[in-house]
């Protein structure tokens, strides 16, 4: 009996059916080793550590702006207009005497909300298209990929402008337009990964053993194809911030006096000669967030996998 079990286990391993060891399952010391690996990985890369800190601060500002400022972003003191950056007003004041730092902090909520919606729309719709095209194949793959090619032939910002013009103005509509413009890249990456995993030995072995298609899809294809798509979502987060800010700069975002990041830059461009901080400092916040997310995505894509 024991020899038969050994033979069955060896056969499963040869076919690629051996159950993989889950990284989260194991004794306590294993968890400590993983934590030390992550900590060592971050300490050796101060730029990555700074990027993580920037993203954490932006997320905290988006959900709990009161942690950073107690000023009202919509109320100003006209007698204190156009004050430069100082200890009282870190980012200075605008033409109405409103504190620019509080407007940037509260504007993070609107901008991050739009960015999350845009990335979610692109991730869900694009991944579904790529998953169906890569897993089903045949004529469905041809039809879906020709649709994706049409989307790729249109510049993303131009497509976003066309969609937001059709949908109307507002933060959510801008986010949906930016998300739809990013669907094509998610669809192509997901399809490529699904095609790669679908041809793997363990997937063929699972099918030959009589596993149903949804079991193969859920247990083998999706977990092994998700990594590059998640990295792309991290990269697209920075691109979506730029796209949302660009549309807000053009006046398609939330109506004034909502302190969206793009709107802040647009309002301050009329005072560049005497109040440079109205555009430079909100622009610096956008640039820091985009660079931080790109640095994190680069670490997830290549550096962590090479270390592992």
Foldseek 3Di string as FASTA:
>chain_A
DVVVVVVVQVVCVVLVNPDDDDQVDDDPVSVVVVVVVVVVVCVVPVLLVVLVVLQVLLVCLQVPVVVPDDFDQADADQVQALAPADPVANLGHHNRHGRLVSLLSPQSNLLLVLLVLLLVLLQVLLLVLLLCLQLVPDVSVVVSLVVLVVLVVDDLLVQLVVQLVVVAFESNSSSNSSNVSNNSVSSVLNNVQLNVQCPDSNLVSCVVVPDDPVCSCVPGRCVRSCQVSVLVSLLVSLVSSVSSLVCVLVPRYDDPPRSHLNVQLNVCVVPCPRRVSSNVVSVVSSVSNSVSSNVVSVCSPPVVVVVD
